[in-house]
C-alpha atoms as a PDB file:
ATOM      1  CA  UNK A   1     225.077 308.632  -2.950  1.00  0.00           C
ATOM      2  CA  UNK A   2     222.585 309.477  -1.265  1.00  0.00           C
ATOM      3  CA  UNK A   3     224.292 312.002   1.123  1.00  0.00           C
ATOM      4  CA  UNK A   4     225.669 313.596  -2.524  1.00  0.00           C
ATOM      5  CA  UNK A   5     222.231 313.730  -3.490  1.00  0.00           C
ATOM      6  CA  UNK A   6     220.838 315.542  -0.328  1.00  0.00           C
ATOM      7  CA  UNK A   7     223.547 317.777  -0.105  1.00  0.00           C
ATOM      8  CA  UNK A   8     222.714 318.821  -3.748  1.00  0.00           C
ATOM      9  CA  UNK A   9     219.324 319.902  -3.316  1.00  0.00           C
ATOM     10  CA  UNK A  10     220.241 321.744  -0.299  1.00  0.00           C
ATOM     11  CA  UNK A  11     222.859 323.673  -1.737  1.00  0.00           C
ATOM     12  CA  UNK A  12     220.237 324.385  -4.508  1.00  0.00           C
ATOM     13  CA  UNK A  13     217.957 325.624  -2.459  1.00  0.00           C
ATOM     14  CA  UNK A  14     219.824 327.895  -0.382  1.00  0.00           C
ATOM     15  CA  UNK A  15     220.528 330.835  -2.931  1.00  0.00           C
ATOM     16  CA  UNK A  16     216.532 330.909  -3.255  1.00  0.00           C
ATOM     17  CA  UNK A  17     215.738 331.342   0.517  1.00  0.00           C
ATOM     18  CA  UNK A  18     218.566 333.717   0.851  1.00  0.00           C
ATOM     19  CA  UNK A  19     217.692 336.226  -1.636  1.00  0.00           C
ATOM     20  CA  UNK A  20     214.601 338.051   0.176  1.00  0.00           C
ATOM     21  CA  UNK A  21     216.696 338.640   3.367  1.00  0.00           C
ATOM     22  CA  UNK A  22     219.606 340.563   1.546  1.00  0.00           C
ATOM     23  CA  UNK A  23     217.213 343.265   0.658  1.00  0.00           C
ATOM     24  CA  UNK A  24     216.315 343.499   3.895  1.00  0.00           C
ATOM     25  CA  UNK A  25     220.184 343.207   5.485  1.00  0.00           C
ATOM     26  CA  UNK A  26     221.437 346.128   2.844  1.00  0.00           C
ATOM     27  CA  UNK A  27     219.299 348.836   4.991  1.00  0.00           C
ATOM     28  CA  UNK A  28     221.266 347.986   8.148  1.00  0.00           C
ATOM     29  CA  UNK A  29     224.589 347.713   6.760  1.00  0.00           C
ATOM     30  CA  UNK A  30     224.375 351.267   5.396  1.00  0.00           C
ATOM     31  CA  UNK A  31     222.829 352.401   9.063  1.00  0.00           C
ATOM     32  CA  UNK A  32     225.791 350.746  10.766  1.00  0.00           C
ATOM     33  CA  UNK A  33     228.691 352.773   7.741  1.00  0.00           C
ATOM     34  CA  UNK A  34     226.818 355.935   9.115  1.00  0.00           C
ATOM     35  CA  UNK A  35     226.917 355.234  12.468  1.00  0.00           C
ATOM     36  CA  UNK A  36     230.764 354.097  12.212  1.00  0.00           C
ATOM     37  CA  UNK A  37     231.578 357.244  10.210  1.00  0.00           C
ATOM     38  CA  UNK A  38     230.266 359.560  12.664  1.00  0.00           C
ATOM     39  CA  UNK A  39     231.687 357.887  15.803  1.00  0.00           C
ATOM     40  CA  UNK A  40     235.388 357.707  13.933  1.00  0.00           C
ATOM     41  CA  UNK A  41     238.061 357.221  16.919  1.00  0.00           C
ATOM     42  CA  UNK A  42     240.248 360.441  17.510  1.00  0.00           C
ATOM     43  CA  UNK A  43     243.959 360.042  16.873  1.00  0.00           C
ATOM     44  CA  UNK A  44     244.233 359.842  20.682  1.00  0.00           C
ATOM     45  CA  UNK A  45     242.268 356.359  20.957  1.00  0.00           C
ATOM     46  CA  UNK A  46     244.587 354.798  17.815  1.00  0.00           C
ATOM     47  CA  UNK A  47     246.643 352.253  18.760  1.00  0.00           C
ATOM     48  CA  UNK A  48     250.320 351.736  18.808  1.00  0.00           C
ATOM     49  CA  UNK A  49     252.255 348.657  19.429  1.00  0.00           C
ATOM     50  CA  UNK A  50     256.194 349.046  20.108  1.00  0.00           C
ATOM     51  CA  UNK A  51     258.619 346.156  19.723  1.00  0.00           C
ATOM     52  CA  UNK A  52     261.374 345.405  22.274  1.00  0.00           C
ATOM     53  CA  UNK A  53     264.337 342.978  21.711  1.00  0.00           C
ATOM     54  CA  UNK A  54     264.601 341.159  25.118  1.00  0.00           C
ATOM     55  CA  UNK A  55     268.210 341.761  26.761  1.00  0.00           C
ATOM     56  CA  UNK A  56     270.318 338.766  26.478  1.00  0.00           C
ATOM     57  CA  UNK A  57     268.303 337.637  23.039  1.00  0.00           C
ATOM     58  CA  UNK A  58     268.773 338.028  19.762  1.00  0.00           C
ATOM     59  CA  UNK A  59     265.662 336.594  18.984  1.00  0.00           C
ATOM     60  CA  UNK A  60     263.081 336.999  21.647  1.00  0.00           C
ATOM     61  CA  UNK A  61     261.143 340.359  21.092  1.00  0.00           C
ATOM     62  CA  UNK A  62     258.352 341.248  23.208  1.00  0.00           C
ATOM     63  CA  UNK A  63     255.605 343.652  22.316  1.00  0.00           C
ATOM     64  CA  UNK A  64     253.545 346.155  24.050  1.00  0.00           C
ATOM     65  CA  UNK A  65     250.755 347.941  22.467  1.00  0.00           C
ATOM     66  CA  UNK A  66     249.050 351.192  24.107  1.00  0.00           C
ATOM     67  CA  UNK A  67     246.568 354.000  22.835  1.00  0.00           C
ATOM     68  CA  UNK A  68     248.278 356.981  21.816  1.00  0.00           C
ATOM     69  CA  UNK A  69     247.186 358.887  25.370  1.00  0.00           C
ATOM     70  CA  UNK A  70     248.673 355.810  26.721  1.00  0.00           C
ATOM     71  CA  UNK A  71     252.117 356.340  25.377  1.00  0.00           C
ATOM     72  CA  UNK A  72     251.948 360.003  26.223  1.00  0.00           C
ATOM     73  CA  UNK A  73     250.864 359.645  29.621  1.00  0.00           C
ATOM     74  CA  UNK A  74     253.515 357.186  30.216  1.00  0.00           C
ATOM     75  CA  UNK A  75     256.129 359.110  28.669  1.00  0.00           C
ATOM     76  CA  UNK A  76     254.945 362.312  30.597  1.00  0.00           C
ATOM     77  CA  UNK A  77     254.774 360.263  33.862  1.00  0.00           C
ATOM     78  CA  UNK A  78     258.253 359.305  33.377  1.00  0.00           C
ATOM     79  CA  UNK A  79     259.768 362.816  32.649  1.00  0.00           C
ATOM     80  CA  UNK A  80     258.059 363.521  36.003  1.00  0.00           C
ATOM     81  CA  UNK A  81     260.046 360.694  37.849  1.00  0.00           C
ATOM     82  CA  UNK A  82     263.146 361.499  35.999  1.00  0.00           C
ATOM     83  CA  UNK A  83     262.894 365.252  37.160  1.00  0.00           C
ATOM     84  CA  UNK A  84     262.147 363.939  40.834  1.00  0.00           C
ATOM     85  CA  UNK A  85     265.164 362.191  41.028  1.00  0.00           C
ATOM     86  CA  UNK A  86     267.367 364.734  39.426  1.00  0.00           C
ATOM     87  CA  UNK A  87     266.136 367.737  41.967  1.00  0.00           C
ATOM     88  CA  UNK A  88     265.637 365.670  45.314  1.00  0.00           C
ATOM     89  CA  UNK A  89     269.718 364.668  44.254  1.00  0.00           C
ATOM     90  CA  UNK A  90     270.975 368.178  43.506  1.00  0.00           C
ATOM     91  CA  UNK A  91     268.826 369.294  46.611  1.00  0.00           C
ATOM     92  CA  UNK A  92     270.820 366.739  49.122  1.00  0.00           C
ATOM     93  CA  UNK A  93     274.166 367.588  47.555  1.00  0.00           C
ATOM     94  CA  UNK A  94     273.800 371.388  48.643  1.00  0.00           C
ATOM     95  CA  UNK A  95     272.580 370.771  51.930  1.00  0.00           C
ATOM     96  CA  UNK A  96     275.374 371.809  54.251  1.00  0.00           C
ATOM     97  CA  UNK A  97     276.831 368.861  56.534  1.00  0.00           C
END
């Protein structure tokens, strides 16, 4: 019973004590909102996730997340690697033996 009374007294004291700091917190919140509006990330920094179904499984899904910039760089690297393999195969097939 004593715990209940002490709990009620503590709960009643909290709103009166927290009223003064709330006025001080509000300007800080608006300042951080202004900073976040100025520092909005570019579309290149937006994170995008792709889901891949594991081979041989109907339920297991792998999730891979990267920024748009990273996805573009990986696609470019894949294209360069494929082009290099195709060009090296063409050149070796055309060489006289």
